């Protein structure tokens, strides 16, 4: 048996090999050593089980492959050609240049995160961003609402926003929700689970497809504290359905002395259309929404609503555990400034969503004209989607390069694209890989062309 292991090199010898040194670029030395050791241990185990030797050339190839795989696990730029603008696996909304510049300027040193420069005393990390959100909402409402009567607080994501709002305002009380709104979104986030974690008691009303005002009214007891509205962010219901309008629920809540809390999910502001945060705040006491969806900013959970209720949320101990990171706040402030100045074209999400289909078609045709060996394709009319649990069922007219290969299956072709540098992510449709330029930033076109020109070997 010992002869079977004679081709396995020592770890230090592998680490000095020129090929391994080259492949290891971009990995820390500790990572390289760990990958080499684990790969050699696995090969030893394999030899023991199969009683077959593994040639040294194959050993080095397998180590190189594992090192390359290790580099792929690190964060790196990816070309999103899926046609999904808010792709959760790819980081959702790209940040505008203003946010990136602000992150560099403030992130490389110290800044007044929780310092009031006017008084010299400790300040609130939420103060600036909260003020801007209040101003943005008030502006969209045409100043019909007193900006001083509302407030905003920010946490790490929208699930956290729902959790802390319910805990602070409704713990140990009943909260009424329509059965048709007990949704689950990506990552296993389920509304009933979040409600249970907050300490409130879920009370379901209506049926999956129909919930009337009378269903809510009949469910109210002396233990009821709030009605919760949940926007069906990642699906749409069609057919024999019925839901209760927000304004009718607001009237019922006012008559019974209840809170109306709304989980809006995407949380759109102009120029996007419904579901607008400002529309919700006309009726709901508290509204929660995301920063990295239709708002086009970093990951954040925003809670806006009546000032006295926000004050209660701010005093809840859970808020500190869920508070937003300083760099996300910096980026969020920059995105808010763009919204307030109506500089929508400087928001990448808005710019991508509004690309003209004819311009997209031109880019897809340019990609088609540069296909290298082993690649074939045609330009097809398609529909891009917003994604990220936003605007379910709606599509945006677009064009895509429908790519195929004479030597690779669609899955193998998708894998080949994904393993390039930079990786390209497309979507498989009817045994072809569709590459939609709508979600590819224009400066990335040269990288796409270079990869396509090379063809498949």
Protein backbone atom coordinates (compact mmCIF):
# COMPACT_ATOMS: atom_id res chain seq x y z
CA UNK A 1 0.00 0.00 0.00
CA UNK A 2 2.88 2.39 0.80
CA UNK A 3 3.97 2.39 -2.84
CA UNK A 4 0.59 3.84 -3.81
CA UNK A 5 1.41 7.05 -1.90
CA UNK A 6 4.83 7.63 -3.42
CA UNK A 7 3.60 10.23 -5.92
CA UNK A 8 2.07 12.45 -3.22
CA UNK A 9 4.42 15.42 -2.77
CA UNK A 10 5.14 17.14 0.55
CA UNK A 11 3.13 20.29 1.30
CA UNK A 12 6.20 22.56 1.28
CA UNK A 13 7.27 21.18 -2.10
CA UNK A 14 3.83 21.91 -3.55
CA UNK A 15 3.93 25.45 -2.19
CA UNK A 16 7.23 26.11 -4.02
CA UNK A 17 6.00 24.82 -7.36
CA UNK A 18 5.91 27.70 -9.95
CA UNK A 19 2.49 26.61 -11.29
CA UNK A 20 1.00 26.60 -7.78
CA UNK A 21 2.56 29.99 -6.99
CA UNK A 22 0.97 31.40 -10.15
CA UNK A 23 -2.46 29.92 -9.49
CA UNK A 24 -2.35 31.07 -5.85
CA UNK A 25 -2.22 34.77 -6.74
CA UNK A 26 -5.02 36.53 -4.84
CA UNK A 27 -5.13 34.06 -1.95
CA UNK A 28 -3.52 34.54 1.45
CA UNK A 29 -0.63 32.15 2.16
CA UNK A 30 -2.56 30.55 5.03
CA UNK A 31 -5.47 29.86 2.66
CA UNK A 32 -3.14 28.31 0.08
CA UNK A 33 -1.54 26.03 2.65
CA UNK A 34 -4.93 24.97 3.99
CA UNK A 35 -6.27 24.14 0.51
CA UNK A 36 -3.13 22.17 -0.38
CA UNK A 37 -3.28 20.16 2.85
CA UNK A 38 -6.98 19.40 2.55
CA UNK A 39 -6.61 18.33 -1.09
CA UNK A 40 -3.68 16.03 -0.30
CA UNK A 41 -5.58 14.52 2.65
CA UNK A 42 -8.55 13.82 0.40
CA UNK A 43 -6.28 12.18 -2.22
CA UNK A 44 -4.73 9.96 0.49
CA UNK A 45 -8.20 8.91 1.61
CA UNK A 46 -9.20 8.20 -1.98
CA UNK A 47 -6.10 6.04 -2.55
CA UNK A 48 -6.83 4.09 0.64
CA UNK A 49 -10.42 3.40 -0.40
CA UNK A 50 -9.72 2.51 -4.05
CA UNK A 51 -6.24 1.02 -3.64
CA UNK A 52 -5.17 2.89 -6.77
CA UNK A 53 -2.29 5.32 -7.16
CA UNK A 54 -2.83 8.89 -8.35
CA UNK A 55 -0.13 10.27 -10.70
CA UNK A 56 1.68 13.39 -9.49
CA UNK A 57 0.56 15.34 -12.58
CA UNK A 58 -3.07 14.70 -11.66
CA UNK A 59 -2.39 15.65 -8.05
CA UNK A 60 -1.01 19.02 -9.12
CA UNK A 61 -3.94 19.58 -11.47
CA UNK A 62 -6.42 18.87 -8.69
CA UNK A 63 -4.63 21.22 -6.32
CA UNK A 64 -4.67 23.93 -8.99
CA UNK A 65 -8.39 23.35 -9.52
CA UNK A 66 -9.11 23.69 -5.78
CA UNK A 67 -7.05 26.88 -5.59
CA UNK A 68 -9.02 28.36 -8.49
CA UNK A 69 -12.24 27.31 -6.76
CA UNK A 70 -11.00 29.02 -3.60
CA UNK A 71 -10.54 32.27 -5.48
CA UNK A 72 -14.07 31.99 -6.90
CA UNK A 73 -15.43 31.90 -3.35
CA UNK A 74 -14.08 35.39 -2.67
CA UNK A 75 -16.15 38.48 -3.49
CA UNK A 76 -15.42 39.68 -7.01
CA UNK A 77 -17.13 41.56 -9.84
CA UNK A 78 -19.73 39.54 -11.76
CA UNK A 79 -21.37 40.51 -15.03
CA UNK A 80 -25.11 40.23 -14.54
CA UNK A 81 -26.59 39.25 -17.91
CA UNK A 82 -29.62 37.50 -16.40
CA UNK A 83 -32.05 40.31 -17.15
CA UNK A 84 -32.95 40.49 -13.43
CA UNK A 85 -32.16 43.99 -12.22
CA UNK A 86 -32.38 43.32 -8.48
CA UNK A 87 -30.66 39.94 -8.40
CA UNK A 88 -30.42 38.92 -4.74
CA UNK A 89 -27.50 36.52 -5.38
CA UNK A 90 -25.59 39.31 -7.13
CA UNK A 91 -26.03 42.04 -4.50
CA UNK A 92 -29.29 43.63 -5.72
CA UNK A 93 -29.02 47.33 -6.63
CA UNK A 94 -25.63 48.60 -7.91
CA UNK A 95 -24.55 51.67 -5.94
CA UNK A 96 -24.25 55.06 -7.65
CA UNK A 97 -20.83 56.67 -8.05
CA UNK A 98 -21.70 59.36 -5.51
CA UNK A 99 -22.19 56.68 -2.84
CA UNK A 100 -18.91 54.99 -3.77
CA UNK A 101 -17.04 58.29 -3.61
CA UNK A 102 -18.58 59.08 -0.23
CA UNK A 103 -17.65 55.63 1.07
CA UNK A 104 -14.03 56.14 0.04
CA UNK A 105 -13.85 59.63 1.49
CA UNK A 106 -15.33 58.69 4.87
CA UNK A 107 -14.46 55.02 5.13
CA UNK A 108 -10.69 55.49 4.98
CA UNK A 109 -10.66 57.63 8.12
CA UNK A 110 -12.76 58.82 11.03
CA UNK A 111 -16.02 60.71 10.62
CA UNK A 112 -18.85 62.11 12.74
CA UNK A 113 -20.92 58.93 12.91
CA UNK A 114 -22.31 59.65 16.38
CA UNK A 115 -20.95 63.11 17.05
CA UNK A 116 -22.85 66.40 16.92
CA UNK A 117 -20.26 68.76 15.44
CA UNK A 118 -22.32 71.81 16.49
CA UNK A 119 -22.44 70.99 20.20
CA UNK A 120 -19.50 68.61 20.51
CA UNK A 121 -21.79 66.16 22.32
CA UNK A 122 -22.64 62.61 21.37
CA UNK A 123 -25.16 62.49 18.52
CA UNK A 124 -27.35 59.90 16.80
CA UNK A 125 -26.15 57.87 13.85
CA UNK A 126 -29.68 58.05 12.46
CA UNK A 127 -30.11 61.83 12.61
CA UNK A 128 -28.99 62.89 9.12
CA UNK A 129 -30.48 59.99 7.17
CA UNK A 130 -33.73 60.11 9.16
CA UNK A 131 -34.13 63.80 8.42
CA UNK A 132 -33.60 63.22 4.71
CA UNK A 133 -36.10 60.35 4.59
CA UNK A 134 -38.68 62.50 6.40
CA UNK A 135 -38.06 65.30 3.92
CA UNK A 136 -38.34 62.95 0.92
CA UNK A 137 -41.66 61.52 2.11
CA UNK A 138 -43.01 64.97 2.94
CA UNK A 139 -41.99 66.24 -0.49
CA UNK A 140 -43.78 63.38 -2.27
CA UNK A 141 -46.90 64.08 -0.21
CA UNK A 142 -46.79 67.70 -1.32
CA UNK A 143 -46.13 68.80 2.25
CA UNK A 144 -49.69 67.77 3.10
CA UNK A 145 -48.25 65.96 6.10
CA UNK A 146 -46.36 67.76 8.87
CA UNK A 147 -42.74 66.66 8.61
CA UNK A 148 -42.41 67.14 12.36
CA UNK A 149 -45.20 64.64 13.01
CA UNK A 150 -43.27 61.73 11.49
CA UNK A 151 -39.88 60.16 11.94
CA UNK A 152 -37.67 57.42 10.51
CA UNK A 153 -35.23 54.92 11.96
CA UNK A 154 -32.97 52.56 10.03
CA UNK A 155 -31.87 48.98 10.76
CA UNK A 156 -29.85 46.37 8.88
CA UNK A 157 -32.60 44.97 6.60
CA UNK A 158 -36.36 44.91 6.13
CA UNK A 159 -36.85 41.65 8.04
CA UNK A 160 -35.17 43.35 10.99
CA UNK A 161 -37.38 46.40 10.50
CA UNK A 162 -40.55 44.28 10.70
CA UNK A 163 -39.21 42.38 13.71
CA UNK A 164 -38.27 45.39 15.84
CA UNK A 165 -41.40 47.35 14.92
CA UNK A 166 -43.69 44.50 15.93
CA UNK A 167 -41.74 43.75 19.10
CA UNK A 168 -41.68 47.35 20.27
CA UNK A 169 -45.31 48.09 19.47
CA UNK A 170 -47.26 44.83 19.69
CA UNK A 171 -45.44 42.28 21.91
CA UNK A 172 -47.85 40.07 23.91
CA UNK A 173 -50.82 41.37 21.89
CA UNK A 174 -52.72 40.07 18.89
CA UNK A 175 -51.85 41.24 15.39
CA UNK A 176 -54.33 40.50 12.62
CA UNK A 177 -53.03 39.43 9.19
CA UNK A 178 -54.76 38.14 6.07
CA UNK A 179 -53.96 34.50 5.26
CA UNK A 180 -53.17 35.62 1.73
CA UNK A 181 -50.29 37.74 3.06
CA UNK A 182 -48.48 35.12 5.17
CA UNK A 183 -45.71 34.99 2.60
CA UNK A 184 -42.26 33.45 2.44
CA UNK A 185 -39.54 35.22 0.49
CA UNK A 186 -35.96 34.26 -0.37
CA UNK A 187 -33.73 32.79 2.29
CA UNK A 188 -36.61 31.23 4.22
CA UNK A 189 -37.97 34.54 5.58
CA UNK A 190 -41.53 33.78 6.63
CA UNK A 191 -43.88 36.40 8.01
CA UNK A 192 -45.35 34.06 10.68
CA UNK A 193 -41.87 33.22 11.96
CA UNK A 194 -40.87 36.87 12.26
CA UNK A 195 -44.13 37.66 14.04
CA UNK A 196 -43.55 34.81 16.49
CA UNK A 197 -40.00 36.05 17.16
CA UNK A 198 -41.36 39.53 17.95
CA UNK A 199 -43.55 38.18 20.75
CA UNK A 200 -46.88 39.18 19.22
CA UNK A 201 -49.68 36.70 18.60
CA UNK A 202 -50.59 36.09 14.98
CA UNK A 203 -54.30 36.04 14.21
CA UNK A 204 -55.11 34.89 10.68
CA UNK A 205 -58.24 36.09 8.92
CA UNK A 206 -59.92 35.42 5.59
CA UNK A 207 -58.81 32.79 3.12
CA UNK A 208 -55.75 32.43 0.90
CA UNK A 209 -57.38 34.28 -1.98
CA UNK A 210 -60.10 36.44 -0.37
CA UNK A 211 -60.04 38.60 2.74
CA UNK A 212 -62.79 41.16 3.33
CA UNK A 213 -63.07 44.07 5.72
CA UNK A 214 -65.66 42.10 7.68
CA UNK A 215 -63.07 39.38 8.31
CA UNK A 216 -60.77 41.86 9.99
CA UNK A 217 -63.58 43.47 12.00
CA UNK A 218 -64.87 40.13 13.30
CA UNK A 219 -61.39 39.11 14.50
CA UNK A 220 -60.79 42.15 16.73
CA UNK A 221 -60.78 41.47 20.48
CA UNK A 222 -59.65 43.41 23.55
CA UNK A 223 -56.20 41.80 23.09
CA UNK A 224 -55.80 43.09 19.53
CA UNK A 225 -53.16 45.79 19.11
CA UNK A 226 -52.63 46.11 15.36
CA UNK A 227 -53.50 45.11 11.83
CA UNK A 228 -50.51 44.11 9.70
CA UNK A 229 -50.49 44.60 5.94
CA UNK A 230 -47.82 42.63 4.05
CA UNK A 231 -47.07 43.46 0.44
CA UNK A 232 -46.85 40.22 -1.64
CA UNK A 233 -43.43 41.17 -2.88
CA UNK A 234 -42.42 38.04 -4.79
CA UNK A 235 -45.70 36.79 -6.22
CA UNK A 236 -49.02 38.01 -7.56
CA UNK A 237 -52.51 36.60 -7.15
CA UNK A 238 -54.88 36.52 -10.09
CA UNK A 239 -58.32 35.10 -10.69
CA UNK A 240 -60.97 34.80 -7.98
CA UNK A 241 -59.32 37.10 -5.44
CA UNK A 242 -60.30 39.92 -3.13
CA UNK A 243 -58.33 42.05 -0.69
CA UNK A 244 -59.24 44.97 1.53
CA UNK A 245 -57.99 48.41 0.44
CA UNK A 246 -55.54 50.16 2.74
CA UNK A 247 -57.81 53.16 3.33
CA UNK A 248 -60.65 50.93 4.54
CA UNK A 249 -58.34 49.15 6.95
CA UNK A 250 -57.07 52.52 8.19
CA UNK A 251 -60.64 53.61 8.92
CA UNK A 252 -61.35 50.37 10.80
CA UNK A 253 -58.12 50.72 12.79
CA UNK A 254 -59.02 54.30 13.74
CA UNK A 255 -62.52 53.27 14.85
CA UNK A 256 -61.20 50.45 17.03
CA UNK A 257 -58.11 52.23 18.36
CA UNK A 258 -55.65 49.93 16.59
CA UNK A 259 -52.36 50.48 14.81
CA UNK A 260 -52.05 49.85 11.08
CA UNK A 261 -48.54 48.56 10.35
CA UNK A 262 -47.44 47.89 6.79
CA UNK A 263 -44.54 45.80 5.54
CA UNK A 264 -44.11 47.33 2.11
CA UNK A 265 -41.05 45.29 1.12
CA UNK A 266 -39.59 47.08 -1.90
CA UNK A 267 -40.57 50.57 -0.82
CA UNK A 268 -40.62 52.66 -3.97
CA UNK A 269 -40.16 56.39 -4.24
CA UNK A 270 -40.72 58.46 -7.36
CA UNK A 271 -40.00 58.11 -10.26
CA UNK A 272 -40.92 54.45 -9.67
CA UNK A 273 -44.60 53.75 -9.31
CA UNK A 274 -46.56 51.84 -6.66
CA UNK A 275 -46.00 50.55 -4.09
CA UNK A 276 -44.91 54.05 -3.01
CA UNK A 277 -43.86 54.67 0.58
CA UNK A 278 -45.65 58.02 0.51
CA UNK A 279 -48.94 56.36 -0.53
CA UNK A 280 -48.69 53.92 2.36
CA UNK A 281 -47.94 56.64 4.90
CA UNK A 282 -51.15 58.44 4.01
CA UNK A 283 -52.98 55.70 5.91
CA UNK A 284 -50.58 53.41 7.80
CA UNK A 285 -49.10 54.42 11.14
CA UNK A 286 -45.83 52.54 10.53
CA UNK A 287 -44.32 51.46 7.19
CA UNK A 288 -41.23 49.26 6.76
CA UNK A 289 -39.29 48.93 3.48
CA UNK A 290 -35.91 48.02 1.98
CA UNK A 291 -33.03 50.27 0.97
CA UNK A 292 -31.51 47.99 -1.67
CA UNK A 293 -34.56 47.32 -3.81
CA UNK A 294 -36.52 50.00 -5.66
CA UNK A 295 -34.83 52.71 -3.60
CA UNK A 296 -31.58 51.75 -5.37
CA UNK A 297 -29.29 51.94 -2.34
CA UNK A 298 -27.43 49.64 0.07
CA UNK A 299 -29.00 46.93 2.19
CA UNK A 300 -31.09 48.58 4.88
CA UNK A 301 -34.43 48.25 6.62
CA UNK A 302 -36.24 51.57 6.97
CA UNK A 303 -39.07 52.24 9.43
CA UNK A 304 -41.06 55.42 8.82
CA UNK A 305 -44.19 56.59 10.55
CA UNK A 306 -45.78 58.47 13.41
CA UNK A 307 -43.15 60.18 15.54
CA UNK A 308 -44.42 58.92 18.90
CA UNK A 309 -44.39 55.33 17.63
CA UNK A 310 -40.90 55.65 16.18
CA UNK A 311 -39.79 56.98 19.60
CA UNK A 312 -41.02 53.75 21.20
CA UNK A 313 -39.12 51.69 18.59
CA UNK A 314 -35.96 53.71 19.25
CA UNK A 315 -36.12 52.79 22.95
CA UNK A 316 -36.39 49.05 22.28
CA UNK A 317 -33.15 47.17 23.16
CA UNK A 318 -33.47 45.06 19.99
CA UNK A 319 -32.83 48.15 17.87
CA UNK A 320 -29.17 48.23 18.88
CA UNK A 321 -28.70 44.59 17.87
CA UNK A 322 -30.21 45.31 14.45
CA UNK A 323 -28.82 48.79 13.86
CA UNK A 324 -27.41 49.63 10.47
CA UNK A 325 -23.67 49.57 9.77
CA UNK A 326 -21.85 52.89 9.41
CA UNK A 327 -20.80 52.34 5.78
CA UNK A 328 -24.34 51.41 4.73
CA UNK A 329 -25.52 54.66 6.33
CA UNK A 330 -22.95 56.64 4.38
CA UNK A 331 -24.11 55.10 1.09
CA UNK A 332 -27.76 55.56 2.04
CA UNK A 333 -27.24 59.27 2.70
CA UNK A 334 -25.71 59.71 -0.77
CA UNK A 335 -28.59 57.88 -2.46
CA UNK A 336 -31.09 60.03 -0.54
CA UNK A 337 -29.41 63.16 -1.87
CA UNK A 338 -29.84 61.91 -5.44
CA UNK A 339 -33.54 61.26 -4.81
CA UNK A 340 -34.06 64.68 -3.24
CA UNK A 341 -32.29 66.38 -6.16
CA UNK A 342 -34.23 64.22 -8.65
CA UNK A 343 -30.93 63.05 -10.15
CA UNK A 344 -32.54 59.75 -11.10
CA UNK A 345 -30.27 59.09 -14.06
CA UNK A 346 -27.36 58.86 -11.62
CA UNK A 347 -29.07 55.92 -9.88
CA UNK A 348 -27.86 52.78 -11.72
CA UNK A 349 -31.09 50.86 -11.03
CA UNK A 350 -33.24 53.58 -12.56
CA UNK A 351 -30.87 54.03 -15.52
CA UNK A 352 -30.85 50.28 -16.29
CA UNK A 353 -34.62 49.97 -15.94
CA UNK A 354 -35.12 52.81 -18.42
CA UNK A 355 -32.72 51.74 -21.17
CA UNK A 356 -34.43 51.89 -24.55
CA UNK A 357 -35.10 48.42 -26.06
CA UNK A 358 -33.59 49.48 -29.41
CA UNK A 359 -30.32 50.39 -27.68
CA UNK A 360 -30.29 47.02 -25.92
CA UNK A 361 -30.90 45.26 -29.23
CA UNK A 362 -27.89 47.04 -30.78
CA UNK A 363 -25.65 45.81 -27.98
CA UNK A 364 -26.95 42.22 -28.27
CA UNK A 365 -26.31 42.31 -32.03
CA UNK A 366 -22.77 43.58 -31.41
CA UNK A 367 -22.18 40.62 -29.10
CA UNK A 368 -23.58 38.25 -31.75
CA UNK A 369 -21.23 39.62 -34.41
CA UNK A 370 -18.17 38.82 -32.27
CA UNK A 371 -18.85 35.15 -31.42
CA UNK A 372 -15.72 33.01 -31.48
CA UNK A 373 -15.20 29.32 -32.30
CA UNK A 374 -17.78 26.87 -30.99
CA UNK A 375 -20.41 29.52 -30.27
CA UNK A 376 -23.63 30.23 -32.17
CA UNK A 377 -26.58 32.42 -31.37
CA UNK A 378 -29.34 34.80 -32.39
CA UNK A 379 -30.84 37.96 -30.92
CA UNK A 380 -34.27 37.36 -29.37
CA UNK A 381 -36.92 39.66 -27.93
CA UNK A 382 -37.32 39.01 -24.20
CA UNK A 383 -38.67 40.53 -21.01
CA UNK A 384 -36.36 41.70 -18.22
CA UNK A 385 -37.67 41.63 -14.65
CA UNK A 386 -37.11 43.86 -11.64
CA UNK A 387 -36.50 40.90 -9.30
CA UNK A 388 -35.60 41.08 -5.62
CA UNK A 389 -39.24 40.62 -4.68
CA UNK A 390 -40.22 43.81 -6.51
CA UNK A 391 -43.01 44.31 -9.06
CA UNK A 392 -43.92 40.59 -9.34
CA UNK A 393 -45.47 39.56 -12.64
CA UNK A 394 -44.26 42.69 -14.45
CA UNK A 395 -41.68 42.59 -17.24
CA UNK A 396 -39.65 45.24 -19.06
CA UNK A 397 -39.30 44.87 -22.86
CA UNK A 398 -35.74 43.90 -23.78
CA UNK A 399 -33.54 41.90 -26.15
CA UNK A 400 -31.03 39.15 -25.45
CA UNK A 401 -28.35 37.10 -27.16
CA UNK A 402 -29.59 33.48 -27.17
CA UNK A 403 -26.29 31.61 -27.02
CA UNK A 404 -25.53 27.95 -27.70
CA UNK A 405 -22.53 25.77 -28.46
CA UNK A 406 -21.95 22.81 -30.74
CA UNK A 407 -19.71 21.18 -28.14
CA UNK A 408 -21.37 22.10 -24.84
CA UNK A 409 -24.82 21.61 -23.36
CA UNK A 410 -26.67 24.68 -22.08
CA UNK A 411 -25.66 23.83 -18.49
CA UNK A 412 -22.02 23.39 -19.52
CA UNK A 413 -22.11 26.65 -21.48
CA UNK A 414 -23.53 28.49 -18.47
CA UNK A 415 -20.75 26.98 -16.36
CA UNK A 416 -18.11 28.06 -18.88
CA UNK A 417 -19.41 31.63 -18.80
CA UNK A 418 -19.51 31.57 -14.99
CA UNK A 419 -15.90 30.38 -14.72
CA UNK A 420 -14.49 33.14 -16.89
CA UNK A 421 -12.82 36.25 -15.52
CA UNK A 422 -14.95 38.18 -14.92
CA UNK A 423 -17.74 35.60 -14.53
CA UNK A 424 -20.84 36.13 -16.69
CA UNK A 425 -24.23 35.07 -15.33
CA UNK A 426 -26.98 34.40 -17.86
CA UNK A 427 -30.20 32.40 -17.72
CA UNK A 428 -31.04 29.12 -19.44
CA UNK A 429 -34.16 29.15 -21.62
CA UNK A 430 -35.06 26.16 -23.80
CA UNK A 431 -31.52 24.76 -23.86
CA UNK A 432 -29.90 28.09 -24.71
CA UNK A 433 -28.14 30.61 -22.47
CA UNK A 434 -29.75 34.03 -22.75
CA UNK A 435 -27.54 37.08 -22.13
CA UNK A 436 -29.61 40.25 -21.59
CA UNK A 437 -27.64 43.52 -21.99
CA UNK A 438 -30.20 45.47 -19.92
CA UNK A 439 -28.52 44.36 -16.71
CA UNK A 440 -24.95 44.62 -18.04
CA UNK A 441 -23.31 47.94 -17.22
CA UNK A 442 -22.02 49.52 -20.43
CA UNK A 443 -18.38 49.59 -19.29
CA UNK A 444 -18.60 45.78 -19.01
CA UNK A 445 -19.38 45.30 -22.70
CA UNK A 446 -15.70 45.02 -23.61
CA UNK A 447 -15.25 42.18 -21.10
CA UNK A 448 -18.27 40.37 -22.53
CA UNK A 449 -16.94 40.79 -26.08
CA UNK A 450 -13.46 39.57 -25.11
CA UNK A 451 -14.88 36.38 -23.57
CA UNK A 452 -17.24 35.70 -26.49
CA UNK A 453 -14.50 36.34 -29.07
CA UNK A 454 -12.31 33.69 -27.44
CA UNK A 455 -14.94 31.01 -28.05
CA UNK A 456 -15.05 27.64 -26.33
CA UNK A 457 -12.11 25.33 -26.66
